[in-house]
Amino acid sequence: GGCSVEDVQQVLTRLEARRKFLTKELDTVSGLMAKLAGANMSEDRSAVAQVIDAAINIFTSSVDDYPAVGLAPWTMEKPKKKK
């Protein structure tokens, strides 16, 4: 039993693509947090509004620029125990 070398490599490739995407998203969120903290300390409230708008764009479904990695034949959920 077990998985073939090719299957494991495919999972590793997909996980690497996902890691790269999440790293980019984390960098974006971290940058927005820094900008928001800086803007919040200034008297210019329009700068705060601009950062908030940018943050909202990250978390809305209207922006769909996620990489096309295809359907995964696996999930990250634990397998259910058979009775």
Protein backbone atom coordinates (compact mmCIF):
# COMPACT_ATOMS: atom_id res chain seq x y z
CA GLY A 1 0.00 0.00 0.00
CA GLY A 2 0.92 3.62 0.15
CA CYS A 3 1.26 6.41 -2.35
CA SER A 4 3.36 6.39 -5.47
CA VAL A 5 6.36 8.69 -5.75
CA GLU A 6 4.51 10.61 -8.48
CA ASP A 7 1.45 11.16 -6.27
CA VAL A 8 3.59 12.46 -3.42
CA GLN A 9 5.48 14.75 -5.80
CA GLN A 10 2.19 16.12 -7.12
CA VAL A 11 1.01 16.88 -3.58
CA LEU A 12 4.35 18.55 -2.80
CA THR A 13 4.10 20.67 -5.95
CA ARG A 14 0.59 21.82 -5.06
CA LEU A 15 1.57 22.55 -1.48
CA GLU A 16 4.53 24.62 -2.68
CA ALA A 17 2.25 26.64 -4.97
CA ARG A 18 -0.12 27.21 -2.06
CA ARG A 19 2.77 28.17 0.25
CA LYS A 20 4.00 30.77 -2.24
CA PHE A 21 0.51 32.23 -2.60
CA LEU A 22 -0.04 32.39 1.17
CA THR A 23 3.40 33.94 1.71
CA LYS A 24 2.55 36.67 -0.80
CA GLU A 25 -0.79 37.25 0.91
CA LEU A 26 0.88 37.41 4.33
CA ASP A 27 3.37 39.98 3.02
CA THR A 28 0.48 42.05 1.67
CA VAL A 29 -1.43 41.88 4.96
CA SER A 30 1.70 42.74 6.96
CA GLY A 31 2.37 45.72 4.71
CA LEU A 32 -1.20 46.94 5.06
CA MET A 33 -1.00 46.60 8.83
CA ALA A 34 2.17 48.72 8.90
CA LYS A 35 0.59 51.36 6.64
CA LEU A 36 -2.58 51.43 8.70
CA ALA A 37 -0.65 51.82 11.95
CA GLY A 38 1.35 54.70 10.43
CA ALA A 39 -1.70 56.36 8.88
CA ASN A 40 -3.64 56.03 12.12
CA MET A 41 -1.01 58.15 13.86
CA SER A 42 -1.26 60.95 11.27
CA GLU A 43 -3.78 63.75 11.08
CA ASP A 44 -4.69 62.77 7.48
CA ARG A 45 -7.75 60.55 7.90
CA SER A 46 -8.03 60.06 4.12
CA ALA A 47 -4.86 57.95 4.30
CA VAL A 48 -6.57 55.67 6.82
CA ALA A 49 -9.57 55.32 4.49
CA GLN A 50 -7.30 54.37 1.57
CA VAL A 51 -5.58 51.65 3.61
CA ILE A 52 -8.93 50.34 4.85
CA ASP A 53 -10.20 50.16 1.24
CA ALA A 54 -7.09 48.19 0.24
CA ALA A 55 -7.61 45.79 3.15
CA ILE A 56 -11.26 45.27 2.24
CA ASN A 57 -10.23 44.32 -1.29
CA ILE A 58 -8.08 41.51 0.09
CA PHE A 59 -10.94 39.95 2.01
CA THR A 60 -13.78 40.29 -0.51
CA SER A 61 -14.73 37.71 -3.08
CA SER A 62 -14.98 40.35 -5.81
CA VAL A 63 -11.21 40.18 -6.22
CA ASP A 64 -10.46 36.78 -7.71
CA ASP A 65 -6.80 36.72 -8.68
CA TYR A 66 -5.99 33.42 -7.03
CA PRO A 67 -3.66 31.14 -8.97
CA ALA A 68 -5.29 28.38 -11.00
CA VAL A 69 -3.89 25.27 -9.36
CA GLY A 70 -6.78 23.00 -10.29
CA LEU A 71 -8.85 20.74 -8.11
CA ALA A 72 -7.03 18.90 -5.38
CA PRO A 73 -7.81 15.19 -5.09
CA TRP A 74 -7.21 15.45 -1.33
CA THR A 75 -8.29 17.60 1.59
CA MET A 76 -6.57 18.72 4.76
CA GLU A 77 -9.31 17.11 6.90
CA LYS A 78 -8.70 14.02 9.00
CA PRO A 79 -10.16 10.87 7.52
CA LYS A 80 -13.34 9.66 9.21
CA LYS A 81 -13.08 6.46 11.18
CA LYS A 82 -15.01 3.57 9.74
CA LYS A 83 -17.45 1.92 12.12
